[in-house]
Structures are given as structure tokens and as C-alpha cells.
Amino acid sequence: MKLTEDNPWFHVEVELIEALGADLLLYCKTLGSEDQKLVVRVEGHSKIAIGEQLGIDIDLEHVHLFDSKTSKRIHFDANAEQQEVINA
């Protein structure tokens, strides 16, 4: 995922920021649904504040998905018609 202002896939609101030196982890909720939470990693020098609303774009080559009930990784292949849950 990456931040973008140009035609984002969706928007999020930043709820928490964790500084990890070279990176920041942004704990966000999607706008329009408080049930959808996600973490976005950005460069550590990014100027972002809690409560800020950001546009998010997705690079499917770098997506990691997890089943919310089992916490198992979901194998994701952008070209496949069906995905599978695997032990990770």
C-alpha cells in the first residue's frame, strides 16, 4: 500500500502512529466502516498526524492478507480466480 492523492482505492483515518526509526506504522480505520482496520508502513520522515485522512493505493505485488478469525495468512495471487488460506 502507498499513500496517494491521485485516484486512491480508498481513504483511511490514522488512529495511532508507531515510529520504528526508518519507518512509521500507521494504524488506520477505513472511512465509512469502523470495522475495517489496517496497518500501513510509510517512510519514517513522513509528516502524518493522528486523525489525518489519507488516500491509499494498493500494489497487489506487496499485499499480505490474514484471515480475521484464524489469523492464518491468505495466499494471494492477483491472477488466480480463487484464493486459499494457508498456515504461516
N, C-alpha and C. Protein backbone atom coordinates (compact mmCIF):
# COMPACT_ATOMS: atom_id res chain seq x y z
N MET A 1 0.84 -1.17 0.00
CA MET A 1 0.00 0.00 0.00
C MET A 1 0.89 1.23 0.00
N LYS A 2 0.37 2.26 -0.60
CA LYS A 2 1.10 3.51 -0.57
C LYS A 2 0.10 4.66 -0.49
N LEU A 3 0.58 5.76 0.05
CA LEU A 3 -0.24 6.95 0.16
C LEU A 3 -0.32 7.63 -1.19
N THR A 4 -1.50 8.13 -1.52
CA THR A 4 -1.68 8.83 -2.79
C THR A 4 -2.83 9.81 -2.67
N GLU A 5 -2.74 10.87 -3.42
CA GLU A 5 -3.85 11.81 -3.52
C GLU A 5 -4.55 11.66 -4.86
N ASP A 6 -3.90 10.97 -5.79
CA ASP A 6 -4.42 10.81 -7.15
C ASP A 6 -5.20 9.51 -7.28
N ASN A 7 -6.51 9.60 -7.29
CA ASN A 7 -7.38 8.45 -7.53
C ASN A 7 -7.10 7.25 -6.60
N PRO A 8 -7.17 7.43 -5.27
CA PRO A 8 -6.90 6.31 -4.35
C PRO A 8 -7.99 5.25 -4.42
N TRP A 9 -7.62 4.01 -4.04
CA TRP A 9 -8.59 2.91 -3.96
C TRP A 9 -9.60 3.18 -2.85
N PHE A 10 -9.10 3.73 -1.72
CA PHE A 10 -9.98 4.06 -0.60
C PHE A 10 -9.27 5.05 0.31
N HIS A 11 -10.01 5.56 1.31
CA HIS A 11 -9.46 6.52 2.26
C HIS A 11 -9.49 5.92 3.67
N VAL A 12 -8.52 6.34 4.48
CA VAL A 12 -8.43 5.89 5.87
C VAL A 12 -8.23 7.10 6.77
N GLU A 13 -8.50 6.87 8.06
CA GLU A 13 -8.18 7.86 9.09
C GLU A 13 -7.15 7.24 10.02
N VAL A 14 -6.07 7.98 10.30
CA VAL A 14 -4.99 7.49 11.15
C VAL A 14 -5.43 7.54 12.61
N GLU A 15 -5.35 6.39 13.31
CA GLU A 15 -5.72 6.31 14.72
C GLU A 15 -4.51 6.27 15.65
N LEU A 16 -3.39 5.72 15.18
CA LEU A 16 -2.19 5.58 16.00
C LEU A 16 -0.98 5.56 15.08
N ILE A 17 0.12 6.13 15.53
CA ILE A 17 1.37 6.12 14.76
C ILE A 17 2.45 5.50 15.62
N GLU A 18 3.15 4.51 15.07
CA GLU A 18 4.25 3.85 15.76
C GLU A 18 5.54 4.14 14.98
N ALA A 19 6.47 4.85 15.61
CA ALA A 19 7.73 5.18 14.96
C ALA A 19 8.73 4.05 15.16
N LEU A 20 9.28 3.55 14.04
CA LEU A 20 10.23 2.44 14.09
C LEU A 20 11.57 2.84 13.46
N GLY A 21 11.97 4.07 13.62
CA GLY A 21 13.22 4.54 13.03
C GLY A 21 13.04 4.90 11.58
N ALA A 22 13.44 4.00 10.67
CA ALA A 22 13.36 4.28 9.24
C ALA A 22 11.92 4.25 8.72
N ASP A 23 10.99 3.67 9.48
CA ASP A 23 9.60 3.52 9.05
C ASP A 23 8.64 4.03 10.12
N LEU A 24 7.43 4.35 9.69
CA LEU A 24 6.30 4.59 10.58
C LEU A 24 5.24 3.55 10.28
N LEU A 25 4.62 3.00 11.29
CA LEU A 25 3.44 2.16 11.10
C LEU A 25 2.23 3.00 11.45
N LEU A 26 1.31 3.10 10.50
CA LEU A 26 0.08 3.86 10.69
C LEU A 26 -1.06 2.89 10.92
N TYR A 27 -1.64 2.92 12.10
CA TYR A 27 -2.79 2.08 12.42
C TYR A 27 -4.03 2.90 12.06
N CYS A 28 -4.79 2.39 11.11
CA CYS A 28 -5.87 3.18 10.50
C CYS A 28 -7.20 2.43 10.51
N LYS A 29 -8.26 3.20 10.29
CA LYS A 29 -9.58 2.61 10.01
C LYS A 29 -10.04 3.17 8.67
N THR A 30 -10.73 2.33 7.92
CA THR A 30 -11.25 2.79 6.64
C THR A 30 -12.41 3.74 6.90
N LEU A 31 -12.53 4.75 6.07
CA LEU A 31 -13.63 5.69 6.22
C LEU A 31 -14.90 5.04 5.69
N GLY A 32 -15.97 5.21 6.41
CA GLY A 32 -17.24 4.61 6.02
C GLY A 32 -17.50 3.29 6.72
N SER A 33 -16.51 2.75 7.40
CA SER A 33 -16.69 1.49 8.14
C SER A 33 -15.64 1.40 9.23
N GLU A 34 -16.07 1.55 10.48
CA GLU A 34 -15.11 1.48 11.59
C GLU A 34 -14.66 0.05 11.86
N ASP A 35 -15.30 -0.95 11.24
CA ASP A 35 -14.92 -2.34 11.44
C ASP A 35 -13.69 -2.75 10.65
N GLN A 36 -13.31 -1.97 9.66
CA GLN A 36 -12.17 -2.32 8.81
C GLN A 36 -10.93 -1.58 9.29
N LYS A 37 -9.98 -2.33 9.85
CA LYS A 37 -8.73 -1.77 10.36
C LYS A 37 -7.58 -2.26 9.51
N LEU A 38 -6.55 -1.45 9.38
CA LEU A 38 -5.36 -1.89 8.66
C LEU A 38 -4.16 -1.11 9.14
N VAL A 39 -2.98 -1.66 8.84
CA VAL A 39 -1.71 -1.03 9.18
C VAL A 39 -0.98 -0.72 7.89
N VAL A 40 -0.51 0.51 7.78
CA VAL A 40 0.22 0.95 6.59
C VAL A 40 1.62 1.37 7.03
N ARG A 41 2.64 0.83 6.35
CA ARG A 41 4.02 1.22 6.64
C ARG A 41 4.45 2.30 5.65
N VAL A 42 4.96 3.40 6.18
CA VAL A 42 5.45 4.50 5.35
C VAL A 42 6.85 4.89 5.81
N GLU A 43 7.53 5.71 5.02
CA GLU A 43 8.87 6.17 5.38
C GLU A 43 8.83 6.97 6.67
N GLY A 44 9.87 6.82 7.49
CA GLY A 44 9.92 7.42 8.81
C GLY A 44 9.89 8.94 8.84
N HIS A 45 10.29 9.58 7.76
CA HIS A 45 10.29 11.05 7.73
C HIS A 45 8.96 11.63 7.25
N SER A 46 7.96 10.79 7.00
CA SER A 46 6.64 11.26 6.55
C SER A 46 5.99 12.12 7.63
N LYS A 47 5.38 13.21 7.24
CA LYS A 47 4.70 14.12 8.16
C LYS A 47 3.22 13.78 8.18
N ILE A 48 2.82 12.95 9.15
CA ILE A 48 1.44 12.47 9.26
C ILE A 48 1.01 12.62 10.71
N ALA A 49 -0.24 13.01 10.93
CA ALA A 49 -0.76 13.22 12.28
C ALA A 49 -1.94 12.30 12.56
N ILE A 50 -2.12 11.97 13.83
CA ILE A 50 -3.29 11.20 14.25
C ILE A 50 -4.54 12.00 13.87
N GLY A 51 -5.53 11.31 13.32
CA GLY A 51 -6.76 11.95 12.88
C GLY A 51 -6.73 12.37 11.42
N GLU A 52 -5.55 12.35 10.81
CA GLU A 52 -5.42 12.74 9.41
C GLU A 52 -6.09 11.71 8.51
N GLN A 53 -6.73 12.18 7.45
CA GLN A 53 -7.36 11.29 6.47
C GLN A 53 -6.45 11.21 5.26
N LEU A 54 -6.18 9.96 4.83
CA LEU A 54 -5.23 9.71 3.76
C LEU A 54 -5.85 8.86 2.66
N GLY A 55 -5.42 9.07 1.43
CA GLY A 55 -5.80 8.21 0.32
C GLY A 55 -4.81 7.07 0.22
N ILE A 56 -5.30 5.86 -0.01
CA ILE A 56 -4.46 4.67 -0.08
C ILE A 56 -4.61 4.01 -1.44
N ASP A 57 -3.48 3.67 -2.03
CA ASP A 57 -3.44 2.89 -3.26
C ASP A 57 -2.81 1.55 -2.93
N ILE A 58 -3.14 0.52 -3.67
CA ILE A 58 -2.66 -0.84 -3.37
C ILE A 58 -1.79 -1.35 -4.51
N ASP A 59 -0.60 -1.81 -4.15
CA ASP A 59 0.27 -2.52 -5.08
C ASP A 59 0.08 -4.00 -4.78
N LEU A 60 -0.67 -4.70 -5.60
CA LEU A 60 -1.04 -6.09 -5.32
C LEU A 60 0.16 -7.03 -5.20
N GLU A 61 1.31 -6.61 -5.70
CA GLU A 61 2.51 -7.44 -5.59
C GLU A 61 3.02 -7.51 -4.15
N HIS A 62 2.62 -6.55 -3.31
CA HIS A 62 3.16 -6.46 -1.96
C HIS A 62 2.08 -6.53 -0.87
N VAL A 63 0.96 -7.17 -1.15
CA VAL A 63 -0.13 -7.28 -0.19
C VAL A 63 0.02 -8.56 0.63
N HIS A 64 -0.18 -8.44 1.95
CA HIS A 64 -0.20 -9.59 2.85
C HIS A 64 -1.56 -9.60 3.54
N LEU A 65 -2.35 -10.64 3.32
CA LEU A 65 -3.69 -10.73 3.88
C LEU A 65 -3.76 -11.84 4.92
N PHE A 66 -4.58 -11.63 5.96
CA PHE A 66 -4.74 -12.60 7.03
C PHE A 66 -6.22 -12.80 7.31
N ASP A 67 -6.61 -14.04 7.60
CA ASP A 67 -7.97 -14.36 7.98
C ASP A 67 -8.22 -13.82 9.38
N SER A 68 -9.26 -13.01 9.57
CA SER A 68 -9.52 -12.38 10.86
C SER A 68 -9.94 -13.36 11.94
N LYS A 69 -10.48 -14.51 11.55
CA LYS A 69 -10.92 -15.50 12.55
C LYS A 69 -9.79 -16.45 12.97
N THR A 70 -8.97 -16.87 12.02
CA THR A 70 -7.92 -17.86 12.32
C THR A 70 -6.52 -17.25 12.42
N SER A 71 -6.36 -16.02 11.97
CA SER A 71 -5.07 -15.33 11.91
C SER A 71 -4.09 -15.97 10.93
N LYS A 72 -4.56 -16.90 10.11
CA LYS A 72 -3.70 -17.53 9.11
C LYS A 72 -3.56 -16.62 7.90
N ARG A 73 -2.39 -16.72 7.27
CA ARG A 73 -2.13 -15.92 6.08
C ARG A 73 -2.98 -16.43 4.93
N ILE A 74 -3.51 -15.52 4.14
CA ILE A 74 -4.26 -15.87 2.94
C ILE A 74 -3.32 -15.70 1.77
N HIS A 75 -3.05 -16.80 1.07
CA HIS A 75 -2.20 -16.72 -0.12
C HIS A 75 -2.94 -15.93 -1.18
N PHE A 76 -2.31 -14.89 -1.68
CA PHE A 76 -2.97 -14.02 -2.64
C PHE A 76 -2.20 -14.01 -3.95
N ASP A 77 -2.86 -14.39 -5.01
CA ASP A 77 -2.30 -14.33 -6.36
C ASP A 77 -3.25 -13.48 -7.19
N ALA A 78 -2.79 -12.32 -7.61
CA ALA A 78 -3.65 -11.38 -8.34
C ALA A 78 -4.25 -11.98 -9.60
N ASN A 79 -3.65 -13.05 -10.14
CA ASN A 79 -4.13 -13.66 -11.38
C ASN A 79 -5.06 -14.86 -11.13
N ALA A 80 -5.14 -15.33 -9.89
CA ALA A 80 -5.96 -16.51 -9.59
C ALA A 80 -7.42 -16.11 -9.38
N GLU A 81 -8.32 -17.03 -9.72
CA GLU A 81 -9.75 -16.77 -9.52
C GLU A 81 -10.16 -17.03 -8.08
N GLN A 82 -9.45 -17.94 -7.39
CA GLN A 82 -9.80 -18.29 -6.01
C GLN A 82 -8.54 -18.26 -5.17
N GLN A 83 -8.65 -17.74 -3.94
CA GLN A 83 -7.50 -17.66 -3.03
C GLN A 83 -7.63 -18.76 -1.98
N GLU A 84 -6.52 -19.08 -1.31
CA GLU A 84 -6.57 -20.12 -0.29
C GLU A 84 -5.94 -19.63 1.00
N VAL A 85 -6.43 -20.15 2.13
CA VAL A 85 -5.87 -19.84 3.43
C VAL A 85 -4.84 -20.92 3.74
N ILE A 86 -3.63 -20.48 4.13
CA ILE A 86 -2.57 -21.44 4.42
C ILE A 86 -1.98 -21.13 5.79
N ASN A 87 -1.34 -22.11 6.39
CA ASN A 87 -0.64 -21.90 7.66
C ASN A 87 0.61 -21.08 7.39
N ALA A 88 0.83 -20.12 8.23
CA ALA A 88 2.04 -19.29 8.07
C ALA A 88 2.80 -19.22 9.36
